[in-house]
Structure formats: C-alpha cells, structure tokens
Amino acid sequence: MKLKTAFISATIVASAFLIGSVVVAHESGSKDGFLSGHSGHGEFRGGGHGGPAMLMGKRVLRQLDLSPEQEDAAMDIFENAKPQMHELHTAKRDSMQRLMAITPDDPSYAAVVDEVAQANAEAAARATRLATQVQAEVYALLTDAQKAQAAEFKAEMLERMEEHRSRRAERFGPPADSQ
C-alpha cells in the first residue's frame, strides 16, 4: 500500500512540475530558440528545467539534431497542447489558493481538503495523458536512427538515476517503502 501511495504522490508531483514548466516555457509564444536554450532576447527558454522539450528531454532533442522541419513540427505540437496545459496549471493554482484560504479549525476543512485532493488527482491524470500524447506525437517525428539514439540516451539517463538513488540510499538509508 505504501508503494502505491508513493507512486501516486510521485505522479502528482511530476505532473505538477510538467504542467508548470511547459506553461512557463510557452508564455513568450515565439518559436525562436526552441532547442537552442536561448531565445536571443536575453532570456532563457524552457522554464529553466526542461521547458517545452521536457517531454522528450530537452538535451535529448538537441542531441538528435532535428531538422528545421522536425523542430517546427515539434513546436507546433507543443503550441497545440499549450491551452490544455495552461488550463491544468490554472486549476492547480486555484486548488492551492483554496487550501491556503482555509485553516484547519474551519468546520469544512476536511471536505475542502478531500475536494482539492480529488481535483488534483484528476488534473494529474489529465496532465499525464496529455504529456504522453505530446511525447508520442513528437516521437513520431523522429527518424529510425533518431529513435534508436533517443533510446540510448534514455537508458543512460535511467542508469544515472539509479546511481543517484544508490548514492542517496548509502547516505540516508533506503526509502521507507523498501524496508
């Protein structure tokens, strides 16, 4: 049961991060500098931690040497998802404001917490579906060679994550769920 709760929590956090970074990344509306990391106007693109290309991994997309046509098509995919991501981001913000506006001694506190938790879970599920849809559309733009290269990059990333997890476990002990 702890593992299921941890997975759900991680999914919600990841979806919230994804929603926020994609919305922030798209606020300027320009296609310039999509994968270059810099728009040329004094500001970094991508919301600081991945931005619009986060779904495939900004570094991965840069390393795949997309053609200008692929880059434009990918940006169009992200732009088409922008209204839905913005809606999810707004819902998340509204939920947080709702929780901030109520105190634990309010008689309706438990009901509001339950409503917000349910709304956040539904938003996380929608965000996950949207993110994977966008990822699938971008992936479909890649050539077979780029897909193979992306798979290699993903395997390397997973290996680095596992190394990080091991180092963390050595330093702080294993996660509570694995004991």
N, C-alpha and C. Protein backbone atom coordinates (compact mmCIF):
# COMPACT_ATOMS: atom_id res chain seq x y z
N MET A 1 0.82 -1.19 0.00
CA MET A 1 0.00 0.00 0.00
C MET A 1 0.87 1.25 0.00
N LYS A 2 1.99 1.24 0.77
CA LYS A 2 2.87 2.38 0.82
C LYS A 2 3.45 2.68 -0.56
N LEU A 3 3.80 1.62 -1.30
CA LEU A 3 4.37 1.81 -2.62
C LEU A 3 3.36 2.46 -3.56
N LYS A 4 2.10 2.05 -3.48
CA LYS A 4 1.06 2.63 -4.32
C LYS A 4 0.87 4.11 -3.99
N THR A 5 0.85 4.44 -2.71
CA THR A 5 0.71 5.83 -2.28
C THR A 5 1.91 6.65 -2.75
N ALA A 6 3.10 6.10 -2.63
CA ALA A 6 4.30 6.80 -3.07
C ALA A 6 4.26 7.03 -4.58
N PHE A 7 3.80 6.03 -5.34
CA PHE A 7 3.72 6.16 -6.79
C PHE A 7 2.73 7.25 -7.17
N ILE A 8 1.57 7.26 -6.53
CA ILE A 8 0.56 8.28 -6.82
C ILE A 8 1.10 9.66 -6.48
N SER A 9 1.76 9.79 -5.35
CA SER A 9 2.33 11.07 -4.95
C SER A 9 3.38 11.53 -5.95
N ALA A 10 4.24 10.61 -6.36
CA ALA A 10 5.28 10.96 -7.33
C ALA A 10 4.67 11.38 -8.65
N THR A 11 3.61 10.70 -9.07
CA THR A 11 2.94 11.05 -10.32
C THR A 11 2.34 12.44 -10.24
N ILE A 12 1.73 12.76 -9.13
CA ILE A 12 1.13 14.09 -8.96
C ILE A 12 2.21 15.16 -8.98
N VAL A 13 3.30 14.95 -8.26
CA VAL A 13 4.37 15.93 -8.23
C VAL A 13 4.98 16.11 -9.61
N ALA A 14 5.25 14.99 -10.30
CA ALA A 14 5.84 15.08 -11.63
C ALA A 14 4.91 15.79 -12.60
N SER A 15 3.63 15.48 -12.53
CA SER A 15 2.66 16.13 -13.42
C SER A 15 2.56 17.62 -13.13
N ALA A 16 2.58 17.97 -11.86
CA ALA A 16 2.52 19.39 -11.50
C ALA A 16 3.75 20.12 -12.02
N PHE A 17 4.91 19.51 -11.88
CA PHE A 17 6.14 20.12 -12.39
C PHE A 17 6.06 20.26 -13.91
N LEU A 18 5.59 19.22 -14.56
CA LEU A 18 5.46 19.23 -16.01
C LEU A 18 4.52 20.33 -16.47
N ILE A 19 3.37 20.43 -15.83
CA ILE A 19 2.40 21.46 -16.19
C ILE A 19 3.03 22.83 -16.06
N GLY A 20 3.65 23.08 -14.92
CA GLY A 20 4.23 24.39 -14.67
C GLY A 20 5.32 24.74 -15.65
N SER A 21 6.22 23.82 -15.92
CA SER A 21 7.34 24.15 -16.78
C SER A 21 6.92 24.31 -18.24
N VAL A 22 5.96 23.53 -18.70
CA VAL A 22 5.50 23.68 -20.08
C VAL A 22 4.76 24.99 -20.26
N VAL A 23 3.93 25.36 -19.29
CA VAL A 23 3.20 26.62 -19.39
C VAL A 23 4.17 27.79 -19.38
N VAL A 24 5.13 27.78 -18.46
CA VAL A 24 6.11 28.86 -18.38
C VAL A 24 6.90 28.95 -19.68
N ALA A 25 7.24 27.80 -20.23
CA ALA A 25 8.05 27.78 -21.44
C ALA A 25 7.32 28.38 -22.62
N HIS A 26 6.02 28.28 -22.65
CA HIS A 26 5.26 28.74 -23.80
C HIS A 26 4.77 30.17 -23.69
N GLU A 27 4.98 30.82 -22.56
CA GLU A 27 4.37 32.12 -22.35
C GLU A 27 4.85 33.17 -23.34
N SER A 28 6.07 33.06 -23.86
CA SER A 28 6.53 34.07 -24.81
C SER A 28 5.93 33.85 -26.20
N GLY A 29 5.52 32.62 -26.52
CA GLY A 29 4.84 32.34 -27.77
C GLY A 29 5.73 32.29 -29.00
N SER A 30 7.01 32.53 -28.86
CA SER A 30 7.91 32.54 -30.01
C SER A 30 8.49 31.16 -30.26
N LYS A 31 8.72 30.84 -31.53
CA LYS A 31 9.36 29.58 -31.88
C LYS A 31 10.87 29.72 -31.91
N ASP A 32 11.39 30.96 -31.84
CA ASP A 32 12.83 31.17 -31.89
C ASP A 32 13.50 30.53 -30.70
N GLY A 33 14.61 29.86 -30.96
CA GLY A 33 15.39 29.30 -29.88
C GLY A 33 14.77 28.09 -29.21
N PHE A 34 13.88 27.41 -29.88
CA PHE A 34 13.14 26.28 -29.31
C PHE A 34 14.06 25.29 -28.62
N LEU A 35 15.10 24.85 -29.30
CA LEU A 35 16.00 23.87 -28.71
C LEU A 35 17.38 24.45 -28.42
N SER A 36 17.59 25.67 -28.78
CA SER A 36 18.91 26.25 -28.59
C SER A 36 19.18 26.60 -27.15
N GLY A 37 18.12 26.68 -26.33
CA GLY A 37 18.30 27.01 -24.93
C GLY A 37 18.26 28.50 -24.67
N HIS A 38 18.28 29.30 -25.73
CA HIS A 38 18.29 30.75 -25.55
C HIS A 38 17.54 31.37 -26.71
N SER A 39 16.67 32.31 -26.40
CA SER A 39 15.84 32.92 -27.44
C SER A 39 16.55 34.02 -28.19
N GLY A 40 17.71 34.45 -27.69
CA GLY A 40 18.41 35.53 -28.35
C GLY A 40 17.94 36.89 -27.87
N HIS A 41 17.03 36.93 -26.92
CA HIS A 41 16.50 38.20 -26.42
C HIS A 41 16.77 38.36 -24.93
N GLY A 42 17.86 37.77 -24.44
CA GLY A 42 18.25 37.96 -23.06
C GLY A 42 17.54 37.06 -22.06
N GLU A 43 16.72 36.14 -22.50
CA GLU A 43 16.06 35.25 -21.55
C GLU A 43 16.19 33.81 -22.02
N PHE A 44 16.35 32.94 -21.07
CA PHE A 44 16.46 31.53 -21.41
C PHE A 44 15.08 30.96 -21.62
N ARG A 45 14.97 30.10 -22.61
CA ARG A 45 13.71 29.46 -22.93
C ARG A 45 13.59 28.18 -22.12
N GLY A 46 12.37 27.71 -21.94
CA GLY A 46 12.19 26.39 -21.39
C GLY A 46 11.88 26.34 -19.92
N GLY A 47 11.63 27.46 -19.28
CA GLY A 47 11.23 27.43 -17.90
C GLY A 47 12.31 26.97 -16.94
N GLY A 48 13.55 26.89 -17.42
CA GLY A 48 14.64 26.60 -16.53
C GLY A 48 14.93 25.12 -16.34
N HIS A 49 13.93 24.28 -16.36
CA HIS A 49 14.16 22.86 -16.10
C HIS A 49 13.51 22.01 -17.17
N GLY A 50 13.82 22.26 -18.42
CA GLY A 50 13.32 21.38 -19.46
C GLY A 50 12.43 22.06 -20.45
N GLY A 51 11.49 22.84 -19.99
CA GLY A 51 10.63 23.61 -20.86
C GLY A 51 9.82 22.76 -21.81
N PRO A 52 9.53 23.29 -23.00
CA PRO A 52 8.64 22.58 -23.90
C PRO A 52 9.19 21.25 -24.36
N ALA A 53 10.49 21.13 -24.42
CA ALA A 53 11.08 19.87 -24.87
C ALA A 53 11.28 18.89 -23.73
N MET A 54 10.82 19.25 -22.54
CA MET A 54 10.99 18.39 -21.38
C MET A 54 10.40 17.00 -21.61
N LEU A 55 9.34 16.93 -22.37
CA LEU A 55 8.66 15.66 -22.56
C LEU A 55 9.57 14.62 -23.19
N MET A 56 10.41 15.03 -24.10
CA MET A 56 11.38 14.12 -24.69
C MET A 56 12.73 14.29 -24.04
N GLY A 57 12.89 15.32 -23.27
CA GLY A 57 14.17 15.66 -22.69
C GLY A 57 14.83 16.67 -23.61
N LYS A 58 14.93 17.90 -23.15
CA LYS A 58 15.49 18.96 -23.99
C LYS A 58 16.86 18.59 -24.51
N ARG A 59 17.69 18.04 -23.63
CA ARG A 59 19.03 17.64 -24.06
C ARG A 59 18.96 16.56 -25.13
N VAL A 60 18.06 15.63 -24.95
CA VAL A 60 17.92 14.55 -25.93
C VAL A 60 17.52 15.12 -27.28
N LEU A 61 16.52 15.99 -27.31
CA LEU A 61 16.10 16.55 -28.59
C LEU A 61 17.23 17.35 -29.25
N ARG A 62 17.99 18.10 -28.45
CA ARG A 62 19.13 18.84 -29.01
C ARG A 62 20.15 17.89 -29.60
N GLN A 63 20.42 16.79 -28.93
CA GLN A 63 21.44 15.85 -29.38
C GLN A 63 20.99 15.05 -30.60
N LEU A 64 19.72 15.04 -30.88
CA LEU A 64 19.21 14.28 -32.02
C LEU A 64 19.33 15.05 -33.33
N ASP A 65 19.79 16.27 -33.26
CA ASP A 65 19.96 17.09 -34.46
C ASP A 65 18.71 17.08 -35.34
N LEU A 66 17.61 17.56 -34.78
CA LEU A 66 16.37 17.63 -35.55
C LEU A 66 16.55 18.56 -36.75
N SER A 67 15.90 18.20 -37.83
CA SER A 67 15.90 19.09 -38.99
C SER A 67 15.03 20.29 -38.66
N PRO A 68 15.16 21.38 -39.40
CA PRO A 68 14.28 22.53 -39.15
C PRO A 68 12.79 22.16 -39.25
N GLU A 69 12.48 21.26 -40.17
CA GLU A 69 11.09 20.83 -40.32
C GLU A 69 10.61 20.07 -39.08
N GLN A 70 11.47 19.18 -38.57
CA GLN A 70 11.12 18.42 -37.36
C GLN A 70 10.96 19.36 -36.17
N GLU A 71 11.86 20.33 -36.06
CA GLU A 71 11.81 21.28 -34.96
C GLU A 71 10.52 22.10 -35.02
N ASP A 72 10.16 22.57 -36.23
CA ASP A 72 8.91 23.34 -36.39
C ASP A 72 7.70 22.49 -36.06
N ALA A 73 7.70 21.24 -36.53
CA ALA A 73 6.57 20.36 -36.25
C ALA A 73 6.45 20.08 -34.76
N ALA A 74 7.59 19.88 -34.09
CA ALA A 74 7.57 19.63 -32.64
C ALA A 74 7.03 20.86 -31.92
N MET A 75 7.47 22.04 -32.31
CA MET A 75 6.98 23.26 -31.65
C MET A 75 5.49 23.42 -31.87
N ASP A 76 5.00 23.06 -33.04
CA ASP A 76 3.55 23.12 -33.31
C ASP A 76 2.79 22.18 -32.36
N ILE A 77 3.35 21.02 -32.12
CA ILE A 77 2.73 20.06 -31.20
C ILE A 77 2.64 20.68 -29.81
N PHE A 78 3.74 21.29 -29.35
CA PHE A 78 3.75 21.92 -28.04
C PHE A 78 2.76 23.09 -27.98
N GLU A 79 2.72 23.86 -29.03
CA GLU A 79 1.80 25.01 -29.07
C GLU A 79 0.35 24.54 -29.03
N ASN A 80 0.04 23.44 -29.71
CA ASN A 80 -1.32 22.91 -29.69
C ASN A 80 -1.73 22.41 -28.30
N ALA A 81 -0.76 21.96 -27.53
CA ALA A 81 -1.04 21.48 -26.17
C ALA A 81 -1.08 22.62 -25.15
N LYS A 82 -0.60 23.78 -25.55
CA LYS A 82 -0.49 24.91 -24.63
C LYS A 82 -1.81 25.26 -23.92
N PRO A 83 -2.94 25.36 -24.60
CA PRO A 83 -4.17 25.72 -23.89
C PRO A 83 -4.57 24.70 -22.81
N GLN A 84 -4.39 23.43 -23.12
CA GLN A 84 -4.72 22.40 -22.14
C GLN A 84 -3.76 22.45 -20.95
N MET A 85 -2.48 22.66 -21.22
CA MET A 85 -1.51 22.77 -20.14
C MET A 85 -1.80 24.00 -19.29
N HIS A 86 -2.17 25.09 -19.93
CA HIS A 86 -2.50 26.31 -19.19
C HIS A 86 -3.72 26.07 -18.30
N GLU A 87 -4.71 25.38 -18.82
CA GLU A 87 -5.91 25.07 -18.04
C GLU A 87 -5.55 24.23 -16.81
N LEU A 88 -4.69 23.24 -17.00
CA LEU A 88 -4.27 22.39 -15.88
C LEU A 88 -3.46 23.19 -14.86
N HIS A 89 -2.60 24.06 -15.34
CA HIS A 89 -1.81 24.91 -14.44
C HIS A 89 -2.72 25.83 -13.63
N THR A 90 -3.72 26.40 -14.29
CA THR A 90 -4.66 27.29 -13.60
C THR A 90 -5.45 26.52 -12.54
N ALA A 91 -5.88 25.33 -12.85
CA ALA A 91 -6.61 24.51 -11.88
C ALA A 91 -5.74 24.18 -10.68
N LYS A 92 -4.48 23.87 -10.92
CA LYS A 92 -3.55 23.57 -9.83
C LYS A 92 -3.37 24.79 -8.95
N ARG A 93 -3.18 25.95 -9.56
CA ARG A 93 -3.01 27.18 -8.80
C ARG A 93 -4.26 27.50 -7.98
N ASP A 94 -5.43 27.33 -8.59
CA ASP A 94 -6.68 27.60 -7.88
C ASP A 94 -6.86 26.66 -6.69
N SER A 95 -6.49 25.41 -6.86
CA SER A 95 -6.58 24.45 -5.75
C SER A 95 -5.67 24.86 -4.61
N MET A 96 -4.45 25.28 -4.95
CA MET A 96 -3.51 25.69 -3.92
C MET A 96 -4.04 26.93 -3.19
N GLN A 97 -4.59 27.86 -3.92
CA GLN A 97 -5.15 29.06 -3.28
C GLN A 97 -6.32 28.71 -2.37
N ARG A 98 -7.10 27.74 -2.79
CA ARG A 98 -8.23 27.30 -1.98
C ARG A 98 -7.75 26.72 -0.65
N LEU A 99 -6.69 25.93 -0.69
CA LEU A 99 -6.13 25.37 0.53
C LEU A 99 -5.50 26.45 1.42
N MET A 100 -4.87 27.42 0.78
CA MET A 100 -4.24 28.48 1.55
C MET A 100 -5.27 29.38 2.25
N ALA A 101 -6.48 29.42 1.71
CA ALA A 101 -7.51 30.31 2.24
C ALA A 101 -8.28 29.71 3.42
N ILE A 102 -8.03 28.46 3.74
CA ILE A 102 -8.79 27.81 4.80
C ILE A 102 -7.83 27.35 5.90
N THR A 103 -8.31 27.36 7.11
CA THR A 103 -7.48 26.92 8.24
C THR A 103 -8.00 25.58 8.77
N PRO A 104 -7.13 24.83 9.42
CA PRO A 104 -7.52 23.51 9.92
C PRO A 104 -8.67 23.52 10.92
N ASP A 105 -8.93 24.64 11.57
CA ASP A 105 -10.04 24.67 12.53
C ASP A 105 -11.37 25.04 11.88
N ASP A 106 -11.36 25.27 10.56
CA ASP A 106 -12.61 25.55 9.84
C ASP A 106 -13.42 24.25 9.77
N PRO A 107 -14.73 24.31 10.05
CA PRO A 107 -15.56 23.09 10.02
C PRO A 107 -15.56 22.38 8.65
N SER A 108 -15.33 23.12 7.59
CA SER A 108 -15.36 22.50 6.26
C SER A 108 -13.96 22.10 5.77
N TYR A 109 -12.96 22.22 6.64
CA TYR A 109 -11.58 21.95 6.26
C TYR A 109 -11.39 20.56 5.63
N ALA A 110 -11.86 19.54 6.29
CA ALA A 110 -11.68 18.16 5.79
C ALA A 110 -12.35 17.97 4.43
N ALA A 111 -13.54 18.54 4.27
CA ALA A 111 -14.25 18.42 2.99
C ALA A 111 -13.49 19.14 1.87
N VAL A 112 -12.97 20.33 2.17
CA VAL A 112 -12.22 21.09 1.17
C VAL A 112 -10.94 20.34 0.80
N VAL A 113 -10.25 19.80 1.78
CA VAL A 113 -9.03 19.02 1.51
C VAL A 113 -9.36 17.83 0.62
N ASP A 114 -10.44 17.12 0.92
CA ASP A 114 -10.83 15.98 0.09
C ASP A 114 -11.16 16.41 -1.34
N GLU A 115 -11.89 17.52 -1.49
CA GLU A 115 -12.24 18.02 -2.82
C GLU A 115 -11.00 18.42 -3.61
N VAL A 116 -10.08 19.12 -2.95
CA VAL A 116 -8.84 19.55 -3.61
C VAL A 116 -7.99 18.33 -3.97
N ALA A 117 -7.90 17.38 -3.07
CA ALA A 117 -7.12 16.17 -3.36
C ALA A 117 -7.69 15.43 -4.57
N GLN A 118 -9.01 15.31 -4.64
CA GLN A 118 -9.64 14.64 -5.77
C GLN A 118 -9.40 15.43 -7.07
N ALA A 119 -9.56 16.75 -7.00
CA ALA A 119 -9.35 17.59 -8.18
C ALA A 119 -7.90 17.50 -8.65
N ASN A 120 -6.96 17.51 -7.70
CA ASN A 120 -5.54 17.41 -8.07
C ASN A 120 -5.22 16.05 -8.68
N ALA A 121 -5.82 14.99 -8.15
CA ALA A 121 -5.59 13.66 -8.72
C ALA A 121 -6.11 13.58 -10.16
N GLU A 122 -7.29 14.15 -10.39
CA GLU A 122 -7.84 14.16 -11.74
C GLU A 122 -6.99 15.01 -12.67
N ALA A 123 -6.51 16.15 -12.19
CA ALA A 123 -5.64 17.01 -13.00
C ALA A 123 -4.33 16.32 -13.32
N ALA A 124 -3.77 15.60 -12.34
CA ALA A 124 -2.53 14.87 -12.57
C ALA A 124 -2.74 13.79 -13.63
N ALA A 125 -3.86 13.12 -13.59
CA ALA A 125 -4.15 12.08 -14.59
C ALA A 125 -4.28 12.71 -15.98
N ARG A 126 -4.98 13.84 -16.07
CA ARG A 126 -5.12 14.53 -17.36
C ARG A 126 -3.76 15.01 -17.86
N ALA A 127 -2.94 15.54 -16.94
CA ALA A 127 -1.61 16.02 -17.32
C ALA A 127 -0.74 14.88 -17.82
N THR A 128 -0.82 13.74 -17.16
CA THR A 128 -0.05 12.57 -17.58
C THR A 128 -0.48 12.12 -18.97
N ARG A 129 -1.79 12.06 -19.20
CA ARG A 129 -2.29 11.65 -20.52
C ARG A 129 -1.86 12.65 -21.59
N LEU A 130 -1.96 13.93 -21.30
CA LEU A 130 -1.58 14.95 -22.28
C LEU A 130 -0.08 14.90 -22.56
N ALA A 131 0.72 14.79 -21.51
CA ALA A 131 2.17 14.74 -21.69
C ALA A 131 2.59 13.54 -22.52
N THR A 132 1.99 12.39 -22.26
CA THR A 132 2.36 11.21 -23.03
C THR A 132 1.85 11.29 -24.47
N GLN A 133 0.72 11.95 -24.67
CA GLN A 133 0.22 12.17 -26.03
C GLN A 133 1.19 13.06 -26.81
N VAL A 134 1.62 14.15 -26.18
CA VAL A 134 2.57 15.06 -26.82
C VAL A 134 3.88 14.33 -27.10
N GLN A 135 4.34 13.56 -26.12
CA GLN A 135 5.58 12.82 -26.31
C GLN A 135 5.46 11.85 -27.49
N ALA A 136 4.34 11.17 -27.60
CA ALA A 136 4.13 10.22 -28.70
C ALA A 136 4.12 10.94 -30.05
N GLU A 137 3.50 12.12 -30.09
CA GLU A 137 3.46 12.88 -31.35
C GLU A 137 4.85 13.35 -31.75
N VAL A 138 5.63 13.80 -30.78
CA VAL A 138 7.00 14.25 -31.09
C VAL A 138 7.84 13.04 -31.49
N TYR A 139 7.69 11.94 -30.79
CA TYR A 139 8.44 10.73 -31.10
C TYR A 139 8.16 10.27 -32.54
N ALA A 140 6.93 10.43 -32.98
CA ALA A 140 6.56 10.02 -34.34
C ALA A 140 7.28 10.85 -35.40
N LEU A 141 7.77 12.02 -35.03
CA LEU A 141 8.50 12.86 -35.98
C LEU A 141 9.92 12.37 -36.23
N LEU A 142 10.43 11.56 -35.32
CA LEU A 142 11.83 11.14 -35.39
C LEU A 142 12.06 10.07 -36.44
N THR A 143 13.25 10.09 -36.99
CA THR A 143 13.65 9.01 -37.91
C THR A 143 13.99 7.79 -37.07
N ASP A 144 14.14 6.65 -37.73
CA ASP A 144 14.51 5.43 -37.00
C ASP A 144 15.85 5.59 -36.29
N ALA A 145 16.80 6.26 -36.95
CA ALA A 145 18.11 6.48 -36.33
C ALA A 145 17.98 7.38 -35.10
N GLN A 146 17.14 8.41 -35.18
CA GLN A 146 16.94 9.31 -34.04
C GLN A 146 16.24 8.58 -32.89
N LYS A 147 15.29 7.70 -33.22
CA LYS A 147 14.62 6.91 -32.18
C LYS A 147 15.60 6.00 -31.47
N ALA A 148 16.50 5.37 -32.21
CA ALA A 148 17.50 4.49 -31.61
C ALA A 148 18.43 5.30 -30.71
N GLN A 149 18.83 6.47 -31.19
CA GLN A 149 19.70 7.34 -30.40
C GLN A 149 18.98 7.81 -29.13
N ALA A 150 17.69 8.15 -29.25
CA ALA A 150 16.90 8.59 -28.09
C ALA A 150 16.80 7.46 -27.07
N ALA A 151 16.65 6.23 -27.53
CA ALA A 151 16.59 5.08 -26.62
C ALA A 151 17.90 4.92 -25.86
N GLU A 152 19.02 5.15 -26.54
CA GLU A 152 20.32 5.08 -25.87
C GLU A 152 20.42 6.16 -24.79
N PHE A 153 20.02 7.37 -25.13
CA PHE A 153 20.07 8.47 -24.16
C PHE A 153 19.19 8.18 -22.96
N LYS A 154 18.03 7.60 -23.22
CA LYS A 154 17.11 7.27 -22.13
C LYS A 154 17.71 6.21 -21.21
N ALA A 155 18.33 5.21 -21.79
CA ALA A 155 18.97 4.16 -21.00
C ALA A 155 20.08 4.75 -20.13
N GLU A 156 20.86 5.67 -20.70
CA GLU A 156 21.93 6.32 -19.94
C GLU A 156 21.34 7.15 -18.79
N MET A 157 20.25 7.84 -19.06
CA MET A 157 19.60 8.64 -18.03
C MET A 157 19.10 7.75 -16.89
N LEU A 158 18.46 6.64 -17.24
CA LEU A 158 17.96 5.71 -16.22
C LEU A 158 19.10 5.15 -15.38
N GLU A 159 20.22 4.88 -16.02
CA GLU A 159 21.39 4.39 -15.29
C GLU A 159 21.90 5.45 -14.31
N ARG A 160 21.96 6.72 -14.77
CA ARG A 160 22.39 7.80 -13.87
C ARG A 160 21.41 7.97 -12.71
N MET A 161 20.12 7.83 -12.99
CA MET A 161 19.12 7.94 -11.92
C MET A 161 19.31 6.83 -10.88
N GLU A 162 19.58 5.64 -11.35
CA GLU A 162 19.78 4.51 -10.43
C GLU A 162 21.05 4.72 -9.60
N GLU A 163 22.10 5.24 -10.24
CA GLU A 163 23.33 5.55 -9.49
C GLU A 163 23.05 6.60 -8.42
N HIS A 164 22.29 7.61 -8.78
CA HIS A 164 21.94 8.66 -7.82
C HIS A 164 21.12 8.07 -6.67
N ARG A 165 20.17 7.21 -7.01
CA ARG A 165 19.34 6.57 -5.98
C ARG A 165 20.21 5.73 -5.03
N SER A 166 21.17 5.02 -5.59
CA SER A 166 22.07 4.20 -4.76
C SER A 166 22.92 5.06 -3.84
N ARG A 167 23.48 6.15 -4.38
CA ARG A 167 24.28 7.05 -3.55
C ARG A 167 23.43 7.66 -2.45
N ARG A 168 22.22 8.01 -2.78
CA ARG A 168 21.31 8.60 -1.79
C ARG A 168 20.98 7.57 -0.70
N ALA A 169 20.73 6.32 -1.10
CA ALA A 169 20.43 5.27 -0.12
C ALA A 169 21.63 5.02 0.80
N GLU A 170 22.84 5.08 0.24
CA GLU A 170 24.03 4.91 1.07
C GLU A 170 24.13 6.04 2.10
N ARG A 171 23.77 7.23 1.66
CA ARG A 171 23.90 8.40 2.54
C ARG A 171 22.79 8.50 3.57
N PHE A 172 21.56 8.24 3.14
CA PHE A 172 20.40 8.46 4.00
C PHE A 172 19.66 7.20 4.39
N GLY A 173 20.05 6.05 3.86
CA GLY A 173 19.35 4.81 4.11
C GLY A 173 18.31 4.56 3.03
N PRO A 174 17.80 3.34 2.96
CA PRO A 174 16.83 3.00 1.92
C PRO A 174 15.50 3.73 2.16
N PRO A 175 14.72 3.92 1.10
CA PRO A 175 13.40 4.54 1.24
C PRO A 175 12.52 3.72 2.20
N ALA A 176 11.60 4.36 2.85
CA ALA A 176 10.74 3.69 3.83
C ALA A 176 9.95 2.53 3.23
N ASP A 177 9.57 2.64 1.96
CA ASP A 177 8.77 1.59 1.31
C ASP A 177 9.54 0.30 1.11
N SER A 178 10.88 0.38 1.05
CA SER A 178 11.66 -0.83 0.74
C SER A 178 12.12 -1.57 1.98
N GLN A 179 11.77 -1.07 3.17
CA GLN A 179 12.21 -1.72 4.40
C GLN A 179 11.29 -2.83 4.81
